[in-house]
Amino acid sequence: MSPGPLSFPEDEPSGDRPAEAPEHPAPHIPPPARPPARYGWVAGVVIAAILVYIGLNTLRNSGSVTRGVDPGHRLPPFATPLALSRRNADANVATRPHEGQQGRRPACQVQGPGILNICQQYAGAPVVLALVATKDSGCAAQLDELARARTRFPDVHFVAVAARTDRGALRKEIRRRGWDFPVGFDRDGAIFARYGIIDCPTMVFAYPGGIAMRTTVKPLRGGKLTAAVRRLVAGAERRGWRPPHPARRGGGTP
C-alpha cells in the first residue's frame, strides 16, 4: 500500500510500505444479479448521472478552479515531494487539519527537506509556478525557458510541478536539461485537480503572499516570458515588495 499525502514531520523519506494482512479473511459476497437486458440502458443512464453529480460536487467542494488561478485569488496550498528526493507520497492539498485524502495536516505546515511547499515559495517573493506534463515536448521546452529566466530574475522564485509522467523519466529529464529550480512530483494528480489544469503548460504568476497576478495556458518563449516576469516584479514592488538584490535585477536585453 502506497503512503498517503505528506504529513511531515511524521512521514519519513522511505519507500512504499508493504500491505498489512487483514486479521480475518473477507467474507465472500456474491455479485448482484444482472438486471434484465431491456432495462440495462436505463440503469446505465442513471449510473452515469450519479457519477456526473458526484464529480461536480467533488470539484465544487474541493475549491478547484478552471484553468489555473483567477487574478486576485490566493494560490491553493500544496506540499509535494521534490522529483529528485527520496520521499514517496501523494501531494498534500489540505487547508485544514484532518482532511482525509487531502492531508492530515494543512499543506502550508508540511515543510522540510525534499518537499516543495508553495506557501514557503511565495512567503517573501514573487513566484512563477509552472504545471506541466514533461512527456509533452512543448512543456519540457517551457521549463528550459524558466531555467534561463531564473538567471535573469534571481529574486523571483521559479518552481514547477509535473504530473502525468513517470518519476524516473522525470528525474532523468531534470538532470539532462539542467533544471536547477525546484520541480515537484504530483503523483496522484491532486495538485493538477486543485488548480484545474487542462492545458500544458499552465503557468501562474503570483505576488508575494501568493496572490495571483495572471495565469497563462500557452507557451511563453524568450521576450514574452521576460516581459511577463517584469510585469510581475513591477506589480510586486507597487505592493511594497523590495528585491533583496536590487543591483542584480533582471530585465536586460532578451
C-alpha atoms as a PDB file:
ATOM      1  CA  MET A   1       0.000   0.000   0.000  1.00  0.00           C
ATOM      2  CA  SER A   2       1.494   3.321  -1.014  1.00  0.00           C
ATOM      3  CA  PRO A   3       1.648   6.111   1.569  1.00  0.00           C
ATOM      4  CA  GLY A   4      -0.973   8.832   1.501  1.00  0.00           C
ATOM      5  CA  PRO A   5      -0.492  12.592   1.436  1.00  0.00           C
ATOM      6  CA  LEU A   6       2.601  14.131   3.018  1.00  0.00           C
ATOM      7  CA  SER A   7       2.172  14.936   6.699  1.00  0.00           C
ATOM      8  CA  PHE A   8       5.803  15.756   7.592  1.00  0.00           C
ATOM      9  CA  PRO A   9       7.401  15.505  10.134  1.00  0.00           C
ATOM     10  CA  GLU A  10       5.623  12.232  10.801  1.00  0.00           C
ATOM     11  CA  ASP A  11       6.461  10.945   7.312  1.00  0.00           C
ATOM     12  CA  GLU A  12       9.932   9.633   6.613  1.00  0.00           C
ATOM     13  CA  PRO A  13      11.693   9.553   3.209  1.00  0.00           C
ATOM     14  CA  SER A  14      11.224   5.849   2.720  1.00  0.00           C
ATOM     15  CA  GLY A  15       9.878   3.608   0.006  1.00  0.00           C
ATOM     16  CA  ASP A  16       6.428   2.126  -0.210  1.00  0.00           C
ATOM     17  CA  ARG A  17       5.303   0.180   2.823  1.00  0.00           C
ATOM     18  CA  PRO A  18       4.119  -3.426   2.347  1.00  0.00           C
ATOM     19  CA  ALA A  19       0.434  -4.012   2.741  1.00  0.00           C
ATOM     20  CA  GLU A  20      -0.671  -5.429   6.083  1.00  0.00           C
ATOM     21  CA  ALA A  21      -2.593  -8.682   6.054  1.00  0.00           C
ATOM     22  CA  PRO A  22      -6.163  -8.424   7.429  1.00  0.00           C
ATOM     23  CA  GLU A  23      -6.919 -10.192  10.694  1.00  0.00           C
ATOM     24  CA  HIS A  24      -9.805 -12.145   9.178  1.00  0.00           C
ATOM     25  CA  PRO A  25     -10.404 -13.088   5.562  1.00  0.00           C
ATOM     26  CA  ALA A  26     -13.041 -11.019   3.887  1.00  0.00           C
ATOM     27  CA  PRO A  27     -16.357 -12.846   3.540  1.00  0.00           C
ATOM     28  CA  HIS A  28     -17.417 -13.879   0.081  1.00  0.00           C
ATOM     29  CA  ILE A  29     -20.155 -11.635  -1.208  1.00  0.00           C
ATOM     30  CA  PRO A  30     -21.867 -12.829  -4.360  1.00  0.00           C
ATOM     31  CA  PRO A  31     -22.137 -10.281  -7.170  1.00  0.00           C
ATOM     32  CA  PRO A  32     -25.500  -8.575  -7.576  1.00  0.00           C
ATOM     33  CA  ALA A  33     -27.910 -10.034 -10.033  1.00  0.00           C
ATOM     34  CA  ARG A  34     -27.717  -8.530 -13.513  1.00  0.00           C
ATOM     35  CA  PRO A  35     -30.818  -6.530 -14.437  1.00  0.00           C
ATOM     36  CA  PRO A  36     -32.880  -7.700 -17.393  1.00  0.00           C
ATOM     37  CA  ALA A  37     -31.330  -6.706 -20.689  1.00  0.00           C
ATOM     38  CA  ARG A  38     -34.164  -4.424 -21.725  1.00  0.00           C
ATOM     39  CA  TYR A  39     -33.604  -2.294 -18.611  1.00  0.00           C
ATOM     40  CA  GLY A  40     -29.817  -2.221 -18.924  1.00  0.00           C
ATOM     41  CA  TRP A  41     -29.656   1.063 -20.774  1.00  0.00           C
ATOM     42  CA  VAL A  42     -31.847   2.733 -18.127  1.00  0.00           C
ATOM     43  CA  ALA A  43     -29.505   1.574 -15.365  1.00  0.00           C
ATOM     44  CA  GLY A  44     -26.536   2.858 -17.361  1.00  0.00           C
ATOM     45  CA  VAL A  45     -28.056   6.330 -17.732  1.00  0.00           C
ATOM     46  CA  VAL A  46     -28.894   6.510 -14.020  1.00  0.00           C
ATOM     47  CA  ILE A  47     -25.360   5.446 -13.019  1.00  0.00           C
ATOM     48  CA  ALA A  48     -23.797   7.960 -15.400  1.00  0.00           C
ATOM     49  CA  ALA A  49     -25.965  10.749 -13.991  1.00  0.00           C
ATOM     50  CA  ILE A  50     -24.959   9.835 -10.441  1.00  0.00           C
ATOM     51  CA  LEU A  51     -21.252   9.835 -11.351  1.00  0.00           C
ATOM     52  CA  VAL A  52     -21.523  13.243 -13.029  1.00  0.00           C
ATOM     53  CA  TYR A  53     -23.329  14.631  -9.972  1.00  0.00           C
ATOM     54  CA  ILE A  54     -20.661  13.252  -7.624  1.00  0.00           C
ATOM     55  CA  GLY A  55     -17.865  14.602  -9.836  1.00  0.00           C
ATOM     56  CA  LEU A  56     -19.311  18.093  -9.980  1.00  0.00           C
ATOM     57  CA  ASN A  57     -19.830  18.210  -6.237  1.00  0.00           C
ATOM     58  CA  THR A  58     -16.311  16.919  -5.617  1.00  0.00           C
ATOM     59  CA  LEU A  59     -14.848  19.722  -7.724  1.00  0.00           C
ATOM     60  CA  ARG A  60     -17.087  22.285  -6.063  1.00  0.00           C
ATOM     61  CA  ASN A  61     -16.265  21.157  -2.543  1.00  0.00           C
ATOM     62  CA  SER A  62     -12.524  20.910  -3.199  1.00  0.00           C
ATOM     63  CA  GLY A  63     -12.427  24.537  -4.247  1.00  0.00           C
ATOM     64  CA  SER A  64     -10.927  23.711  -7.639  1.00  0.00           C
ATOM     65  CA  VAL A  65     -10.830  26.367 -10.299  1.00  0.00           C
ATOM     66  CA  THR A  66     -10.830  26.443 -14.060  1.00  0.00           C
ATOM     67  CA  ARG A  67      -7.520  26.859 -15.838  1.00  0.00           C
ATOM     68  CA  GLY A  68      -5.266  27.913 -13.029  1.00  0.00           C
ATOM     69  CA  VAL A  69      -5.987  30.677 -10.527  1.00  0.00           C
ATOM     70  CA  ASP A  70      -8.062  33.774 -11.166  1.00  0.00           C
ATOM     71  CA  PRO A  71      -6.278  37.120 -10.691  1.00  0.00           C
ATOM     72  CA  GLY A  72      -6.577  38.411  -7.146  1.00  0.00           C
ATOM     73  CA  HIS A  73      -7.061  34.941  -5.655  1.00  0.00           C
ATOM     74  CA  ARG A  74      -4.505  33.206  -3.446  1.00  0.00           C
ATOM     75  CA  LEU A  75      -2.771  30.122  -4.801  1.00  0.00           C
ATOM     76  CA  PRO A  76      -4.265  26.925  -3.357  1.00  0.00           C
ATOM     77  CA  PRO A  77      -1.757  25.489  -0.865  1.00  0.00           C
ATOM     78  CA  PHE A  78       0.130  22.298  -1.553  1.00  0.00           C
ATOM     79  CA  ALA A  79       3.172  20.373  -0.419  1.00  0.00           C
ATOM     80  CA  THR A  80       4.559  17.605  -2.595  1.00  0.00           C
ATOM     81  CA  PRO A  81       7.767  15.577  -2.863  1.00  0.00           C
ATOM     82  CA  LEU A  82      10.518  17.042  -4.991  1.00  0.00           C
ATOM     83  CA  ALA A  83      11.053  14.828  -8.009  1.00  0.00           C
ATOM     84  CA  LEU A  84      14.734  14.327  -7.145  1.00  0.00           C
ATOM     85  CA  SER A  85      14.060  13.496  -3.491  1.00  0.00           C
ATOM     86  CA  ARG A  86      13.584  10.056  -1.943  1.00  0.00           C
ATOM     87  CA  ARG A  87      10.217  10.966  -0.491  1.00  0.00           C
ATOM     88  CA  ASN A  88       7.415   8.784  -1.754  1.00  0.00           C
ATOM     89  CA  ALA A  89       3.952  10.159  -1.036  1.00  0.00           C
ATOM     90  CA  ASP A  90       0.995  11.856  -2.637  1.00  0.00           C
ATOM     91  CA  ALA A  91       0.706  15.632  -2.601  1.00  0.00           C
ATOM     92  CA  ASN A  92      -0.878  17.286   0.417  1.00  0.00           C
ATOM     93  CA  VAL A  93      -3.504  19.870  -0.587  1.00  0.00           C
ATOM     94  CA  ALA A  94      -5.249  20.245   2.770  1.00  0.00           C
ATOM     95  CA  THR A  95      -6.306  23.665   4.019  1.00  0.00           C
ATOM     96  CA  ARG A  96      -7.336  22.434   7.493  1.00  0.00           C
ATOM     97  CA  PRO A  97      -6.301  19.581   9.797  1.00  0.00           C
ATOM     98  CA  HIS A  98      -7.682  16.085   9.254  1.00  0.00           C
ATOM     99  CA  GLU A  99      -8.938  16.425   5.676  1.00  0.00           C
ATOM    100  CA  GLY A 100      -8.610  12.744   4.872  1.00  0.00           C
ATOM    101  CA  GLN A 101      -7.121  12.045   1.465  1.00  0.00           C
ATOM    102  CA  GLN A 102      -6.206  15.704   1.046  1.00  0.00           C
ATOM    103  CA  GLY A 103      -3.910  15.535   4.096  1.00  0.00           C
ATOM    104  CA  ARG A 104      -3.828  15.144   7.872  1.00  0.00           C
ATOM    105  CA  ARG A 105      -2.073  18.494   8.350  1.00  0.00           C
ATOM    106  CA  PRO A 106      -2.601  21.778   6.487  1.00  0.00           C
ATOM    107  CA  ALA A 107      -0.311  21.790   3.464  1.00  0.00           C
ATOM    108  CA  CYS A 108       1.356  25.074   4.454  1.00  0.00           C
ATOM    109  CA  GLN A 109       2.685  23.356   7.593  1.00  0.00           C
ATOM    110  CA  VAL A 110       4.239  20.460   5.676  1.00  0.00           C
ATOM    111  CA  GLN A 111       7.827  21.617   5.273  1.00  0.00           C
ATOM    112  CA  GLY A 112      11.251  20.044   5.291  1.00  0.00           C
ATOM    113  CA  PRO A 113      13.977  18.516   3.118  1.00  0.00           C
ATOM    114  CA  GLY A 114      12.780  17.010  -0.137  1.00  0.00           C
ATOM    115  CA  ILE A 115       9.470  18.877  -0.127  1.00  0.00           C
ATOM    116  CA  LEU A 116       8.174  21.593  -2.437  1.00  0.00           C
ATOM    117  CA  ASN A 117       5.843  23.773  -0.381  1.00  0.00           C
ATOM    118  CA  ILE A 118       4.204  26.546  -2.386  1.00  0.00           C
ATOM    119  CA  CYS A 119       3.448  28.553   0.787  1.00  0.00           C
ATOM    120  CA  GLN A 120       7.180  28.759   1.533  1.00  0.00           C
ATOM    121  CA  GLN A 121       7.889  29.798  -2.034  1.00  0.00           C
ATOM    122  CA  TYR A 122       5.509  32.752  -2.098  1.00  0.00           C
ATOM    123  CA  ALA A 123       6.080  33.831   1.524  1.00  0.00           C
ATOM    124  CA  GLY A 124       8.552  36.591   0.649  1.00  0.00           C
ATOM    125  CA  ALA A 125       8.962  36.677  -3.112  1.00  0.00           C
ATOM    126  CA  PRO A 126       7.061  36.715  -6.389  1.00  0.00           C
ATOM    127  CA  VAL A 127       6.506  33.224  -7.775  1.00  0.00           C
ATOM    128  CA  VAL A 128       6.267  31.757 -11.254  1.00  0.00           C
ATOM    129  CA  LEU A 129       4.630  28.337 -10.948  1.00  0.00           C
ATOM    130  CA  ALA A 130       4.619  26.052 -13.990  1.00  0.00           C
ATOM    131  CA  LEU A 131       2.367  22.985 -14.037  1.00  0.00           C
ATOM    132  CA  VAL A 132       3.451  20.585 -16.739  1.00  0.00           C
ATOM    133  CA  ALA A 133       3.426  17.058 -18.084  1.00  0.00           C
ATOM    134  CA  THR A 134       7.021  16.543 -19.180  1.00  0.00           C
ATOM    135  CA  LYS A 135       6.073  13.812 -21.652  1.00  0.00           C
ATOM    136  CA  ASP A 136       4.922  16.736 -23.773  1.00  0.00           C
ATOM    137  CA  SER A 137       7.983  18.181 -25.512  1.00  0.00           C
ATOM    138  CA  GLY A 138       6.451  21.661 -25.512  1.00  0.00           C
ATOM    139  CA  CYS A 139       6.053  21.557 -21.738  1.00  0.00           C
ATOM    140  CA  ALA A 140       9.643  20.434 -21.259  1.00  0.00           C
ATOM    141  CA  ALA A 141      10.778  23.278 -23.504  1.00  0.00           C
ATOM    142  CA  GLN A 142       8.853  25.718 -21.312  1.00  0.00           C
ATOM    143  CA  LEU A 143      10.860  24.591 -18.299  1.00  0.00           C
ATOM    144  CA  ASP A 144      14.018  25.254 -20.308  1.00  0.00           C
ATOM    145  CA  GLU A 145      12.751  28.818 -20.705  1.00  0.00           C
ATOM    146  CA  LEU A 146      12.123  29.083 -16.962  1.00  0.00           C
ATOM    147  CA  ALA A 147      15.672  27.945 -16.239  1.00  0.00           C
ATOM    148  CA  ARG A 148      17.010  30.740 -18.452  1.00  0.00           C
ATOM    149  CA  ALA A 149      14.666  33.351 -16.949  1.00  0.00           C
ATOM    150  CA  ARG A 150      15.714  32.345 -13.446  1.00  0.00           C
ATOM    151  CA  THR A 151      19.252  33.600 -14.088  1.00  0.00           C
ATOM    152  CA  ARG A 152      17.852  37.000 -15.107  1.00  0.00           C
ATOM    153  CA  PHE A 153      15.463  37.352 -12.158  1.00  0.00           C
ATOM    154  CA  PRO A 154      17.304  35.909  -9.131  1.00  0.00           C
ATOM    155  CA  ASP A 155      14.819  37.379  -6.641  1.00  0.00           C
ATOM    156  CA  VAL A 156      11.816  35.650  -8.237  1.00  0.00           C
ATOM    157  CA  HIS A 157      11.068  32.081  -7.220  1.00  0.00           C
ATOM    158  CA  PHE A 158      10.611  29.770 -10.219  1.00  0.00           C
ATOM    159  CA  VAL A 159       9.078  26.385  -9.414  1.00  0.00           C
ATOM    160  CA  ALA A 160       7.368  23.606 -11.331  1.00  0.00           C
ATOM    161  CA  VAL A 161       5.067  20.681 -10.653  1.00  0.00           C
ATOM    162  CA  ALA A 162       4.975  17.711 -13.008  1.00  0.00           C
ATOM    163  CA  ALA A 163       2.217  15.124 -13.279  1.00  0.00           C
ATOM    164  CA  ARG A 164       1.031  12.565 -15.819  1.00  0.00           C
ATOM    165  CA  THR A 165       4.575  11.339 -16.215  1.00  0.00           C
ATOM    166  CA  ASP A 166       6.933   8.659 -14.934  1.00  0.00           C
ATOM    167  CA  ARG A 167       9.025   9.853 -11.995  1.00  0.00           C
ATOM    168  CA  GLY A 168      12.145   8.027 -13.142  1.00  0.00           C
ATOM    169  CA  ALA A 169      11.903   9.613 -16.573  1.00  0.00           C
ATOM    170  CA  LEU A 170      11.252  12.995 -14.957  1.00  0.00           C
ATOM    171  CA  ARG A 171      14.409  12.704 -12.860  1.00  0.00           C
ATOM    172  CA  LYS A 172      16.468  11.928 -15.946  1.00  0.00           C
ATOM    173  CA  GLU A 173      14.945  14.916 -17.742  1.00  0.00           C
ATOM    174  CA  ILE A 174      15.738  17.257 -14.849  1.00  0.00           C
ATOM    175  CA  ARG A 175      19.382  16.182 -14.786  1.00  0.00           C
ATOM    176  CA  ARG A 176      19.787  16.090 -18.564  1.00  0.00           C
ATOM    177  CA  ARG A 177      18.315  19.550 -19.130  1.00  0.00           C
ATOM    178  CA  GLY A 178      19.876  21.106 -16.042  1.00  0.00           C
ATOM    179  CA  TRP A 179      16.676  22.442 -14.458  1.00  0.00           C
ATOM    180  CA  ASP A 180      18.089  23.981 -11.300  1.00  0.00           C
ATOM    181  CA  PHE A 181      14.825  25.181  -9.754  1.00  0.00           C
ATOM    182  CA  PRO A 182      12.501  23.063  -7.555  1.00  0.00           C
ATOM    183  CA  VAL A 183      10.435  20.545  -9.515  1.00  0.00           C
ATOM    184  CA  GLY A 184       7.741  18.761  -7.533  1.00  0.00           C
ATOM    185  CA  PHE A 185       6.111  15.456  -8.463  1.00  0.00           C
ATOM    186  CA  ASP A 186       2.305  15.297  -8.309  1.00  0.00           C
ATOM    187  CA  ARG A 187       1.961  11.525  -8.224  1.00  0.00           C
ATOM    188  CA  ASP A 188      -1.813  11.230  -7.975  1.00  0.00           C
ATOM    189  CA  GLY A 189      -2.702  14.486  -9.751  1.00  0.00           C
ATOM    190  CA  ALA A 190      -4.129  16.161  -6.636  1.00  0.00           C
ATOM    191  CA  ILE A 191      -2.431  19.496  -7.367  1.00  0.00           C
ATOM    192  CA  PHE A 192      -3.484  19.434 -11.008  1.00  0.00           C
ATOM    193  CA  ALA A 193      -7.073  18.781  -9.912  1.00  0.00           C
ATOM    194  CA  ARG A 194      -6.997  21.568  -7.330  1.00  0.00           C
ATOM    195  CA  TYR A 195      -5.629  24.038  -9.886  1.00  0.00           C
ATOM    196  CA  GLY A 196      -7.989  22.840 -12.620  1.00  0.00           C
ATOM    197  CA  ILE A 197      -5.197  22.120 -15.091  1.00  0.00           C
ATOM    198  CA  ILE A 198      -6.410  21.186 -18.560  1.00  0.00           C
ATOM    199  CA  ASP A 199      -3.659  22.701 -20.732  1.00  0.00           C
ATOM    200  CA  CYS A 200       0.095  22.225 -20.760  1.00  0.00           C
ATOM    201  CA  PRO A 201       1.978  24.286 -19.904  1.00  0.00           C
ATOM    202  CA  THR A 202      -0.080  26.274 -17.412  1.00  0.00           C
ATOM    203  CA  MET A 203       1.830  28.997 -15.576  1.00  0.00           C
ATOM    204  CA  VAL A 204       0.655  31.059 -12.636  1.00  0.00           C
ATOM    205  CA  PHE A 205       2.374  34.362 -11.844  1.00  0.00           C
ATOM    206  CA  ALA A 206       1.823  35.348  -8.204  1.00  0.00           C
ATOM    207  CA  TYR A 207       2.818  38.266  -5.998  1.00  0.00           C
ATOM    208  CA  PRO A 208       4.461  37.757  -2.598  1.00  0.00           C
ATOM    209  CA  GLY A 209       1.806  36.324  -0.336  1.00  0.00           C
ATOM    210  CA  GLY A 210       0.547  34.049  -3.096  1.00  0.00           C
ATOM    211  CA  ILE A 211      -1.972  36.389  -4.753  1.00  0.00           C
ATOM    212  CA  ALA A 212      -2.252  35.542  -8.438  1.00  0.00           C
ATOM    213  CA  MET A 213      -1.429  38.236 -10.991  1.00  0.00           C
ATOM    214  CA  ARG A 214      -2.326  36.107 -14.017  1.00  0.00           C
ATOM    215  CA  THR A 215      -2.488  32.573 -15.372  1.00  0.00           C
ATOM    216  CA  THR A 216      -1.306  31.611 -18.846  1.00  0.00           C
ATOM    217  CA  VAL A 217      -2.199  28.437 -20.707  1.00  0.00           C
ATOM    218  CA  LYS A 218       0.174  28.674 -23.635  1.00  0.00           C
ATOM    219  CA  PRO A 219       3.965  28.586 -24.001  1.00  0.00           C
ATOM    220  CA  LEU A 220       5.820  31.818 -23.254  1.00  0.00           C
ATOM    221  CA  ARG A 221       9.161  31.998 -25.008  1.00  0.00           C
ATOM    222  CA  GLY A 222      12.075  34.401 -24.697  1.00  0.00           C
ATOM    223  CA  GLY A 223      10.936  38.003 -24.687  1.00  0.00           C
ATOM    224  CA  LYS A 224       7.310  37.154 -23.851  1.00  0.00           C
ATOM    225  CA  LEU A 225       8.313  35.313 -20.693  1.00  0.00           C
ATOM    226  CA  THR A 226      10.771  38.067 -19.757  1.00  0.00           C
ATOM    227  CA  ALA A 227       8.050  40.699 -20.199  1.00  0.00           C
ATOM    228  CA  ALA A 228       5.614  38.692 -18.076  1.00  0.00           C
ATOM    229  CA  VAL A 229       8.134  38.349 -15.240  1.00  0.00           C
ATOM    230  CA  ARG A 230       8.984  42.055 -15.451  1.00  0.00           C
ATOM    231  CA  ARG A 231       5.293  42.890 -15.003  1.00  0.00           C
ATOM    232  CA  LEU A 232       5.160  40.548 -12.029  1.00  0.00           C
ATOM    233  CA  VAL A 233       8.180  42.206 -10.393  1.00  0.00           C
ATOM    234  CA  ALA A 234       6.825  45.700 -11.070  1.00  0.00           C
ATOM    235  CA  GLY A 235       3.440  44.769  -9.612  1.00  0.00           C
ATOM    236  CA  ALA A 236       5.081  43.237  -6.548  1.00  0.00           C
ATOM    237  CA  GLU A 237       7.069  46.434  -5.983  1.00  0.00           C
ATOM    238  CA  ARG A 238       3.902  48.518  -6.219  1.00  0.00           C
ATOM    239  CA  ARG A 239       2.539  46.320  -3.441  1.00  0.00           C
ATOM    240  CA  GLY A 240       5.521  47.124  -1.244  1.00  0.00           C
ATOM    241  CA  TRP A 241       7.885  44.250  -2.004  1.00  0.00           C
ATOM    242  CA  ARG A 242      11.566  45.116  -2.347  1.00  0.00           C
ATOM    243  CA  PRO A 243      14.015  42.741  -4.054  1.00  0.00           C
ATOM    244  CA  PRO A 244      16.850  41.580  -1.781  1.00  0.00           C
ATOM    245  CA  HIS A 245      19.392  42.141  -4.577  1.00  0.00           C
ATOM    246  CA  PRO A 246      18.278  45.256  -6.486  1.00  0.00           C
ATOM    247  CA  ALA A 247      21.623  45.513  -8.295  1.00  0.00           C
ATOM    248  CA  ARG A 248      21.042  42.053  -9.811  1.00  0.00           C
ATOM    249  CA  ARG A 249      17.507  42.632 -11.046  1.00  0.00           C
ATOM    250  CA  GLY A 250      16.627  41.013 -14.338  1.00  0.00           C
ATOM    251  CA  GLY A 251      15.150  42.646 -17.368  1.00  0.00           C
ATOM    252  CA  GLY A 252      18.048  43.312 -19.688  1.00  0.00           C
ATOM    253  CA  THR A 253      18.057  42.655 -23.385  1.00  0.00           C
ATOM    254  CA  PRO A 254      16.380  39.287 -24.155  1.00  0.00           C
END
